[in-house]
Amino acid sequence: MSEMKFCPQCGNPLAAALLAGRERLACSASCGYVFWDNPVPVVAAIVELGDSVVLIRNKEWPEKYRGIVAGFLEKDESPESGILRELKEELGLDGEIVGFIGNYAFPLKNQVVLAYHIKASGEIILGDELAAYELIPPSRLKPWSMGTGPAVRDWLERRRNKEI
């Protein structure tokens, strides 16, 4: 459960309550507020640049970590425009969405990941959040177990089956 402790509507303490079959935080003064703690939407993309996939390393990640382009969906933004914005912000690239890979629950971070396949063009210019990037041939790409890793797994499987 979240660390939220007080009602943002009336300021009274929140308390555990059984609502809609799950334990939720609700206002103890019965003003009607319920903290649903819904997952946050994240957009992500497997970015192909030429014959390679671009893997990135965020400045906050350990040196050995790599991942795919991802970021939070912003207000009034479609997932498609959001991932193209993230591609531009993080790598300075333009892209064309080839297809939707899928949606993936990421409970550890209370997120839902909407993953796309993008063909990109241009020259990589790292954005402020990134420390490094690598160009990896798809044959060397290996999925990881959580977060955006299942999208990588599904994309590789579709590629092997010649579905993309």
N, C-alpha and C. Protein backbone atom coordinates (compact mmCIF):
# COMPACT_ATOMS: atom_id res chain seq x y z
N MET A 1 0.85 -1.18 0.00
CA MET A 1 0.00 0.00 0.00
C MET A 1 0.89 1.24 0.00
N SER A 2 0.40 2.31 -0.55
CA SER A 2 1.13 3.56 -0.71
C SER A 2 1.46 4.19 0.64
N GLU A 3 2.35 5.16 0.60
CA GLU A 3 2.71 5.89 1.81
C GLU A 3 1.83 7.11 2.04
N MET A 4 0.82 7.28 1.22
CA MET A 4 -0.11 8.39 1.40
C MET A 4 -0.81 8.22 2.73
N LYS A 5 -0.84 9.31 3.54
CA LYS A 5 -1.38 9.19 4.89
C LYS A 5 -2.60 10.07 5.15
N PHE A 6 -2.76 11.15 4.36
CA PHE A 6 -3.84 12.09 4.63
C PHE A 6 -4.67 12.33 3.38
N CYS A 7 -5.95 12.60 3.61
CA CYS A 7 -6.89 12.86 2.54
C CYS A 7 -6.55 14.18 1.86
N PRO A 8 -6.37 14.18 0.52
CA PRO A 8 -6.07 15.42 -0.18
C PRO A 8 -7.28 16.35 -0.30
N GLN A 9 -8.49 15.85 0.05
CA GLN A 9 -9.69 16.69 -0.02
C GLN A 9 -9.97 17.41 1.29
N CYS A 10 -9.82 16.71 2.42
CA CYS A 10 -10.20 17.32 3.69
C CYS A 10 -9.08 17.31 4.74
N GLY A 11 -8.01 16.60 4.48
CA GLY A 11 -6.87 16.60 5.40
C GLY A 11 -6.94 15.59 6.53
N ASN A 12 -8.03 14.85 6.66
CA ASN A 12 -8.13 13.84 7.71
C ASN A 12 -7.27 12.63 7.35
N PRO A 13 -6.92 11.82 8.35
CA PRO A 13 -6.10 10.64 8.06
C PRO A 13 -6.83 9.66 7.15
N LEU A 14 -6.06 8.95 6.35
CA LEU A 14 -6.59 7.86 5.54
C LEU A 14 -6.50 6.58 6.36
N ALA A 15 -7.42 5.68 6.14
CA ALA A 15 -7.44 4.41 6.85
C ALA A 15 -7.74 3.28 5.87
N ALA A 16 -7.26 2.10 6.18
CA ALA A 16 -7.52 0.94 5.33
C ALA A 16 -9.00 0.60 5.37
N ALA A 17 -9.54 0.33 4.17
CA ALA A 17 -10.96 -0.03 4.06
C ALA A 17 -11.09 -1.06 2.94
N LEU A 18 -12.01 -1.99 3.10
CA LEU A 18 -12.26 -2.98 2.07
C LEU A 18 -13.28 -2.40 1.09
N LEU A 19 -12.81 -2.10 -0.14
CA LEU A 19 -13.65 -1.51 -1.17
C LEU A 19 -13.42 -2.25 -2.47
N ALA A 20 -14.50 -2.56 -3.15
CA ALA A 20 -14.42 -3.26 -4.44
C ALA A 20 -13.58 -4.54 -4.33
N GLY A 21 -13.69 -5.20 -3.19
CA GLY A 21 -13.02 -6.47 -3.00
C GLY A 21 -11.53 -6.39 -2.69
N ARG A 22 -11.01 -5.16 -2.47
CA ARG A 22 -9.58 -5.01 -2.17
C ARG A 22 -9.41 -4.00 -1.04
N GLU A 23 -8.28 -4.13 -0.35
CA GLU A 23 -7.98 -3.14 0.66
C GLU A 23 -7.49 -1.86 -0.01
N ARG A 24 -8.11 -0.75 0.34
CA ARG A 24 -7.76 0.58 -0.21
C ARG A 24 -7.59 1.54 0.95
N LEU A 25 -7.00 2.68 0.66
CA LEU A 25 -6.96 3.76 1.63
C LEU A 25 -8.15 4.68 1.36
N ALA A 26 -8.89 4.99 2.40
CA ALA A 26 -10.06 5.86 2.26
C ALA A 26 -10.05 6.87 3.40
N CYS A 27 -10.75 7.97 3.18
CA CYS A 27 -10.82 9.03 4.18
C CYS A 27 -11.51 8.53 5.44
N SER A 28 -10.88 8.76 6.58
CA SER A 28 -11.45 8.32 7.86
C SER A 28 -12.66 9.18 8.26
N ALA A 29 -12.78 10.37 7.66
CA ALA A 29 -13.90 11.26 7.99
C ALA A 29 -15.08 11.05 7.04
N SER A 30 -15.01 10.06 6.19
CA SER A 30 -16.08 9.72 5.26
C SER A 30 -16.45 10.86 4.31
N CYS A 31 -15.45 11.64 3.86
CA CYS A 31 -15.74 12.69 2.86
C CYS A 31 -15.92 12.07 1.48
N GLY A 32 -15.65 10.75 1.38
CA GLY A 32 -15.85 10.05 0.12
C GLY A 32 -14.59 9.79 -0.67
N TYR A 33 -13.46 10.36 -0.23
CA TYR A 33 -12.22 10.17 -0.99
C TYR A 33 -11.68 8.74 -0.81
N VAL A 34 -11.29 8.14 -1.93
CA VAL A 34 -10.63 6.83 -1.92
C VAL A 34 -9.34 6.97 -2.73
N PHE A 35 -8.25 6.53 -2.18
CA PHE A 35 -6.98 6.51 -2.91
C PHE A 35 -6.91 5.15 -3.60
N TRP A 36 -7.19 5.14 -4.90
CA TRP A 36 -7.27 3.89 -5.64
C TRP A 36 -5.89 3.34 -5.99
N ASP A 37 -4.88 4.17 -6.00
CA ASP A 37 -3.49 3.76 -6.29
C ASP A 37 -3.39 3.01 -7.62
N ASN A 38 -4.04 3.58 -8.65
CA ASN A 38 -4.02 2.96 -9.97
C ASN A 38 -2.62 3.03 -10.59
N PRO A 39 -2.29 2.08 -11.46
CA PRO A 39 -0.97 2.09 -12.08
C PRO A 39 -0.79 3.30 -13.01
N VAL A 40 0.45 3.71 -13.12
CA VAL A 40 0.83 4.84 -13.97
C VAL A 40 1.18 4.31 -15.37
N PRO A 41 0.65 4.94 -16.43
CA PRO A 41 0.98 4.49 -17.78
C PRO A 41 2.38 4.93 -18.21
N VAL A 42 3.13 3.99 -18.74
CA VAL A 42 4.48 4.22 -19.26
C VAL A 42 4.49 3.74 -20.70
N VAL A 43 5.13 4.53 -21.57
CA VAL A 43 5.31 4.11 -22.96
C VAL A 43 6.75 3.67 -23.14
N ALA A 44 6.95 2.67 -23.99
CA ALA A 44 8.29 2.13 -24.23
C ALA A 44 8.39 1.71 -25.68
N ALA A 45 9.63 1.61 -26.17
CA ALA A 45 9.79 1.20 -27.56
C ALA A 45 11.09 0.44 -27.77
N ILE A 46 10.96 -0.59 -28.59
CA ILE A 46 12.14 -1.22 -29.18
C ILE A 46 12.42 -0.39 -30.42
N VAL A 47 13.56 0.27 -30.40
CA VAL A 47 13.93 1.21 -31.46
C VAL A 47 14.97 0.56 -32.35
N GLU A 48 14.59 0.38 -33.62
CA GLU A 48 15.55 -0.11 -34.61
C GLU A 48 16.13 1.10 -35.34
N LEU A 49 17.45 1.13 -35.39
CA LEU A 49 18.17 2.15 -36.14
C LEU A 49 19.10 1.39 -37.08
N GLY A 50 18.78 1.43 -38.35
CA GLY A 50 19.52 0.60 -39.30
C GLY A 50 19.25 -0.86 -39.00
N ASP A 51 20.32 -1.64 -38.88
CA ASP A 51 20.21 -3.07 -38.60
C ASP A 51 20.35 -3.41 -37.12
N SER A 52 20.28 -2.40 -36.25
CA SER A 52 20.50 -2.62 -34.82
C SER A 52 19.33 -2.12 -33.99
N VAL A 53 19.30 -2.59 -32.75
CA VAL A 53 18.36 -2.11 -31.74
C VAL A 53 19.15 -1.19 -30.81
N VAL A 54 18.53 -0.06 -30.47
CA VAL A 54 19.18 0.89 -29.57
C VAL A 54 18.83 0.53 -28.13
N LEU A 55 19.86 0.27 -27.33
CA LEU A 55 19.68 0.11 -25.89
C LEU A 55 20.27 1.33 -25.22
N ILE A 56 19.63 1.77 -24.16
CA ILE A 56 20.07 2.98 -23.47
C ILE A 56 20.44 2.67 -22.02
N ARG A 57 21.23 3.58 -21.42
CA ARG A 57 21.50 3.51 -19.97
C ARG A 57 21.16 4.86 -19.38
N ASN A 58 20.19 4.86 -18.49
CA ASN A 58 19.79 6.06 -17.76
C ASN A 58 20.92 6.43 -16.79
N LYS A 59 21.10 7.71 -16.54
CA LYS A 59 22.14 8.18 -15.62
C LYS A 59 21.98 7.62 -14.21
N GLU A 60 20.76 7.26 -13.84
CA GLU A 60 20.51 6.75 -12.48
C GLU A 60 20.69 5.24 -12.36
N TRP A 61 20.94 4.56 -13.45
CA TRP A 61 21.08 3.11 -13.43
C TRP A 61 22.52 2.71 -13.16
N PRO A 62 22.71 1.50 -12.61
CA PRO A 62 24.07 0.97 -12.48
C PRO A 62 24.73 0.84 -13.85
N GLU A 63 26.03 0.86 -13.86
CA GLU A 63 26.83 0.84 -15.10
C GLU A 63 26.46 -0.30 -16.04
N LYS A 64 26.17 -1.48 -15.50
CA LYS A 64 25.93 -2.64 -16.36
C LYS A 64 24.51 -2.72 -16.92
N TYR A 65 23.58 -1.88 -16.43
CA TYR A 65 22.20 -1.93 -16.87
C TYR A 65 22.01 -1.27 -18.22
N ARG A 66 21.14 -1.87 -19.03
CA ARG A 66 20.71 -1.30 -20.30
C ARG A 66 19.21 -1.55 -20.42
N GLY A 67 18.55 -0.74 -21.20
CA GLY A 67 17.12 -0.90 -21.40
C GLY A 67 16.69 -0.30 -22.71
N ILE A 68 15.40 -0.24 -22.90
CA ILE A 68 14.86 0.36 -24.11
C ILE A 68 14.30 1.74 -23.75
N VAL A 69 14.07 2.55 -24.74
CA VAL A 69 13.52 3.88 -24.54
C VAL A 69 12.16 3.75 -23.87
N ALA A 70 11.95 4.54 -22.82
CA ALA A 70 10.69 4.49 -22.09
C ALA A 70 10.49 5.79 -21.33
N GLY A 71 9.24 6.09 -21.03
CA GLY A 71 8.95 7.28 -20.24
C GLY A 71 7.48 7.35 -19.90
N PHE A 72 7.15 8.29 -19.05
CA PHE A 72 5.77 8.45 -18.60
C PHE A 72 4.93 9.14 -19.66
N LEU A 73 3.72 8.66 -19.79
CA LEU A 73 2.76 9.29 -20.67
C LEU A 73 2.34 10.61 -20.01
N GLU A 74 2.25 11.66 -20.79
CA GLU A 74 1.89 12.96 -20.26
C GLU A 74 0.40 13.25 -20.48
N LYS A 75 -0.11 14.21 -19.75
CA LYS A 75 -1.52 14.62 -19.84
C LYS A 75 -1.86 15.00 -21.27
N ASP A 76 -3.03 14.55 -21.73
CA ASP A 76 -3.55 14.88 -23.06
C ASP A 76 -2.68 14.35 -24.20
N GLU A 77 -1.95 13.29 -23.95
CA GLU A 77 -1.04 12.74 -24.96
C GLU A 77 -1.45 11.30 -25.27
N SER A 78 -1.51 10.95 -26.55
CA SER A 78 -1.78 9.56 -26.91
C SER A 78 -0.52 8.75 -26.66
N PRO A 79 -0.65 7.45 -26.43
CA PRO A 79 0.56 6.63 -26.26
C PRO A 79 1.49 6.73 -27.47
N GLU A 80 0.93 6.80 -28.68
CA GLU A 80 1.76 6.87 -29.88
C GLU A 80 2.57 8.18 -29.93
N SER A 81 1.91 9.30 -29.64
CA SER A 81 2.66 10.55 -29.65
C SER A 81 3.63 10.61 -28.47
N GLY A 82 3.27 9.98 -27.36
CA GLY A 82 4.15 9.94 -26.18
C GLY A 82 5.45 9.21 -26.45
N ILE A 83 5.38 8.07 -27.12
CA ILE A 83 6.62 7.32 -27.34
C ILE A 83 7.48 8.01 -28.40
N LEU A 84 6.86 8.66 -29.37
CA LEU A 84 7.66 9.41 -30.35
C LEU A 84 8.32 10.63 -29.70
N ARG A 85 7.63 11.26 -28.73
CA ARG A 85 8.23 12.36 -27.96
C ARG A 85 9.42 11.84 -27.15
N GLU A 86 9.24 10.70 -26.47
CA GLU A 86 10.34 10.13 -25.68
C GLU A 86 11.55 9.80 -26.56
N LEU A 87 11.30 9.26 -27.74
CA LEU A 87 12.38 8.94 -28.67
C LEU A 87 13.17 10.20 -29.01
N LYS A 88 12.47 11.28 -29.28
CA LYS A 88 13.12 12.55 -29.62
C LYS A 88 13.88 13.11 -28.42
N GLU A 89 13.25 13.09 -27.24
CA GLU A 89 13.89 13.63 -26.03
C GLU A 89 15.12 12.83 -25.61
N GLU A 90 15.02 11.52 -25.66
CA GLU A 90 16.11 10.68 -25.14
C GLU A 90 17.24 10.48 -26.14
N LEU A 91 16.89 10.35 -27.43
CA LEU A 91 17.92 10.01 -28.42
C LEU A 91 18.04 11.02 -29.56
N GLY A 92 17.17 12.02 -29.61
CA GLY A 92 17.22 13.00 -30.68
C GLY A 92 16.83 12.44 -32.04
N LEU A 93 16.13 11.31 -32.04
CA LEU A 93 15.77 10.63 -33.29
C LEU A 93 14.32 10.86 -33.67
N ASP A 94 14.04 10.81 -34.96
CA ASP A 94 12.68 10.76 -35.46
C ASP A 94 12.34 9.29 -35.67
N GLY A 95 11.07 8.97 -35.59
CA GLY A 95 10.71 7.57 -35.75
C GLY A 95 9.35 7.37 -36.36
N GLU A 96 9.16 6.16 -36.83
CA GLU A 96 7.87 5.73 -37.36
C GLU A 96 7.47 4.48 -36.59
N ILE A 97 6.26 4.49 -36.06
CA ILE A 97 5.78 3.32 -35.32
C ILE A 97 5.44 2.23 -36.31
N VAL A 98 6.09 1.08 -36.13
CA VAL A 98 5.83 -0.09 -36.98
C VAL A 98 4.63 -0.85 -36.46
N GLY A 99 4.52 -0.93 -35.13
CA GLY A 99 3.40 -1.64 -34.54
C GLY A 99 3.42 -1.61 -33.03
N PHE A 100 2.31 -2.04 -32.47
CA PHE A 100 2.15 -2.16 -31.03
C PHE A 100 2.60 -3.55 -30.62
N ILE A 101 3.46 -3.65 -29.64
CA ILE A 101 3.95 -4.95 -29.17
C ILE A 101 2.98 -5.52 -28.13
N GLY A 102 2.60 -4.70 -27.17
CA GLY A 102 1.67 -5.17 -26.15
C GLY A 102 1.69 -4.30 -24.92
N ASN A 103 0.84 -4.68 -23.95
CA ASN A 103 0.84 -3.97 -22.67
C ASN A 103 1.27 -4.95 -21.59
N TYR A 104 2.01 -4.43 -20.61
CA TYR A 104 2.65 -5.29 -19.62
C TYR A 104 2.53 -4.66 -18.23
N ALA A 105 2.00 -5.41 -17.29
CA ALA A 105 1.93 -4.95 -15.91
C ALA A 105 3.33 -4.98 -15.32
N PHE A 106 3.67 -3.93 -14.58
CA PHE A 106 4.94 -3.85 -13.86
C PHE A 106 4.62 -3.49 -12.41
N PRO A 107 4.12 -4.47 -11.64
CA PRO A 107 3.64 -4.20 -10.28
C PRO A 107 4.69 -3.60 -9.35
N LEU A 108 5.95 -3.96 -9.52
CA LEU A 108 7.01 -3.45 -8.64
C LEU A 108 7.03 -1.92 -8.62
N LYS A 109 6.73 -1.30 -9.74
CA LYS A 109 6.72 0.17 -9.85
C LYS A 109 5.30 0.73 -9.98
N ASN A 110 4.29 -0.13 -9.86
CA ASN A 110 2.89 0.25 -10.03
C ASN A 110 2.70 0.97 -11.38
N GLN A 111 3.16 0.32 -12.43
CA GLN A 111 3.07 0.87 -13.78
C GLN A 111 2.45 -0.15 -14.72
N VAL A 112 1.92 0.36 -15.81
CA VAL A 112 1.53 -0.48 -16.93
C VAL A 112 2.31 0.06 -18.13
N VAL A 113 3.04 -0.83 -18.79
CA VAL A 113 3.92 -0.45 -19.90
C VAL A 113 3.20 -0.73 -21.22
N LEU A 114 3.13 0.29 -22.07
CA LEU A 114 2.57 0.18 -23.42
C LEU A 114 3.76 0.21 -24.37
N ALA A 115 4.06 -0.94 -24.99
CA ALA A 115 5.30 -1.08 -25.76
C ALA A 115 5.05 -1.10 -27.26
N TYR A 116 5.92 -0.39 -27.96
CA TYR A 116 5.85 -0.24 -29.41
C TYR A 116 7.15 -0.66 -30.07
N HIS A 117 7.05 -0.92 -31.37
CA HIS A 117 8.22 -1.17 -32.23
C HIS A 117 8.34 0.05 -33.13
N ILE A 118 9.52 0.69 -33.12
CA ILE A 118 9.75 1.90 -33.90
C ILE A 118 10.97 1.72 -34.79
N LYS A 119 10.85 2.17 -36.03
CA LYS A 119 12.01 2.31 -36.93
C LYS A 119 12.39 3.77 -36.86
N ALA A 120 13.65 4.04 -36.50
CA ALA A 120 14.11 5.40 -36.29
C ALA A 120 15.09 5.82 -37.38
N SER A 121 15.24 7.13 -37.48
CA SER A 121 16.22 7.68 -38.40
C SER A 121 16.84 8.91 -37.76
N GLY A 122 18.04 9.23 -38.22
CA GLY A 122 18.75 10.39 -37.70
C GLY A 122 20.02 9.99 -37.00
N GLU A 123 20.63 10.99 -36.37
CA GLU A 123 21.86 10.77 -35.61
C GLU A 123 21.55 10.85 -34.13
N ILE A 124 22.04 9.90 -33.36
CA ILE A 124 21.75 9.86 -31.93
C ILE A 124 22.43 11.04 -31.23
N ILE A 125 21.61 11.76 -30.47
CA ILE A 125 22.09 12.82 -29.59
C ILE A 125 21.45 12.53 -28.23
N LEU A 126 22.27 12.13 -27.25
CA LEU A 126 21.73 11.73 -25.96
C LEU A 126 21.05 12.88 -25.24
N GLY A 127 19.86 12.59 -24.70
CA GLY A 127 19.14 13.55 -23.88
C GLY A 127 19.73 13.63 -22.49
N ASP A 128 19.20 14.56 -21.70
CA ASP A 128 19.72 14.83 -20.35
C ASP A 128 19.65 13.64 -19.40
N GLU A 129 18.69 12.73 -19.60
CA GLU A 129 18.50 11.61 -18.67
C GLU A 129 19.45 10.45 -18.93
N LEU A 130 20.10 10.43 -20.10
CA LEU A 130 20.87 9.25 -20.49
C LEU A 130 22.37 9.44 -20.31
N ALA A 131 23.02 8.33 -19.93
CA ALA A 131 24.48 8.32 -19.80
C ALA A 131 25.14 7.67 -21.00
N ALA A 132 24.44 6.73 -21.67
CA ALA A 132 25.07 6.00 -22.76
C ALA A 132 24.01 5.29 -23.60
N TYR A 133 24.45 4.82 -24.75
CA TYR A 133 23.61 3.97 -25.59
C TYR A 133 24.51 2.93 -26.25
N GLU A 134 23.87 1.88 -26.72
CA GLU A 134 24.56 0.83 -27.49
C GLU A 134 23.67 0.44 -28.65
N LEU A 135 24.30 0.11 -29.76
CA LEU A 135 23.59 -0.46 -30.90
C LEU A 135 23.86 -1.95 -30.90
N ILE A 136 22.81 -2.74 -30.78
CA ILE A 136 22.93 -4.19 -30.64
C ILE A 136 22.22 -4.88 -31.80
N PRO A 137 22.88 -5.80 -32.47
CA PRO A 137 22.15 -6.58 -33.49
C PRO A 137 21.03 -7.37 -32.81
N PRO A 138 19.86 -7.47 -33.42
CA PRO A 138 18.76 -8.21 -32.80
C PRO A 138 19.15 -9.64 -32.40
N SER A 139 20.06 -10.25 -33.12
CA SER A 139 20.49 -11.62 -32.79
C SER A 139 21.21 -11.70 -31.44
N ARG A 140 21.71 -10.58 -30.93
CA ARG A 140 22.41 -10.55 -29.64
C ARG A 140 21.54 -9.99 -28.51
N LEU A 141 20.34 -9.55 -28.85
CA LEU A 141 19.45 -8.96 -27.86
C LEU A 141 18.85 -10.07 -27.00
N LYS A 142 18.92 -9.88 -25.69
CA LYS A 142 18.38 -10.86 -24.75
C LYS A 142 17.41 -10.15 -23.80
N PRO A 143 16.19 -10.66 -23.68
CA PRO A 143 15.21 -10.02 -22.79
C PRO A 143 15.57 -10.20 -21.33
N TRP A 144 15.11 -9.29 -20.51
CA TRP A 144 15.26 -9.37 -19.06
C TRP A 144 13.90 -9.71 -18.48
N SER A 145 13.85 -10.01 -17.20
CA SER A 145 12.64 -10.63 -16.63
C SER A 145 11.50 -9.69 -16.28
N MET A 146 11.76 -8.40 -16.06
CA MET A 146 10.66 -7.54 -15.62
C MET A 146 10.70 -6.19 -16.32
N GLY A 147 9.73 -5.32 -15.99
CA GLY A 147 9.67 -4.01 -16.62
C GLY A 147 9.40 -4.14 -18.11
N THR A 148 10.33 -3.64 -18.92
CA THR A 148 10.17 -3.69 -20.37
C THR A 148 10.69 -4.99 -20.99
N GLY A 149 11.32 -5.83 -20.19
CA GLY A 149 11.88 -7.08 -20.69
C GLY A 149 10.89 -8.00 -21.39
N PRO A 150 9.68 -8.18 -20.84
CA PRO A 150 8.70 -9.03 -21.53
C PRO A 150 8.33 -8.51 -22.94
N ALA A 151 8.35 -7.20 -23.14
CA ALA A 151 8.09 -6.65 -24.47
C ALA A 151 9.22 -7.04 -25.42
N VAL A 152 10.45 -7.00 -24.93
CA VAL A 152 11.60 -7.42 -25.74
C VAL A 152 11.45 -8.89 -26.11
N ARG A 153 11.07 -9.71 -25.14
CA ARG A 153 10.86 -11.14 -25.38
C ARG A 153 9.82 -11.37 -26.48
N ASP A 154 8.68 -10.67 -26.36
CA ASP A 154 7.60 -10.85 -27.35
C ASP A 154 8.01 -10.35 -28.73
N TRP A 155 8.73 -9.24 -28.79
CA TRP A 155 9.19 -8.70 -30.06
C TRP A 155 10.17 -9.67 -30.73
N LEU A 156 11.09 -10.22 -29.95
CA LEU A 156 12.05 -11.19 -30.50
C LEU A 156 11.33 -12.44 -31.01
N GLU A 157 10.33 -12.91 -30.28
CA GLU A 157 9.57 -14.09 -30.70
C GLU A 157 8.84 -13.82 -32.02
N ARG A 158 8.19 -12.67 -32.12
CA ARG A 158 7.50 -12.32 -33.37
C ARG A 158 8.49 -12.18 -34.53
N ARG A 159 9.65 -11.66 -34.24
CA ARG A 159 10.69 -11.51 -35.27
C ARG A 159 11.16 -12.88 -35.75
N ARG A 160 11.38 -13.80 -34.80
CA ARG A 160 11.80 -15.17 -35.16
C ARG A 160 10.73 -15.87 -35.99
N ASN A 161 9.46 -15.59 -35.67
CA ASN A 161 8.34 -16.20 -36.40
C ASN A 161 7.99 -15.42 -37.67
N LYS A 162 8.78 -14.42 -37.97
CA LYS A 162 8.60 -13.59 -39.18
C LYS A 162 7.24 -12.90 -39.22
N GLU A 163 6.75 -12.53 -38.02
CA GLU A 163 5.48 -11.81 -37.93
C GLU A 163 5.67 -10.30 -38.08
N ILE A 164 6.92 -9.86 -38.01
CA ILE A 164 7.21 -8.42 -38.17
C ILE A 164 8.30 -8.21 -39.20
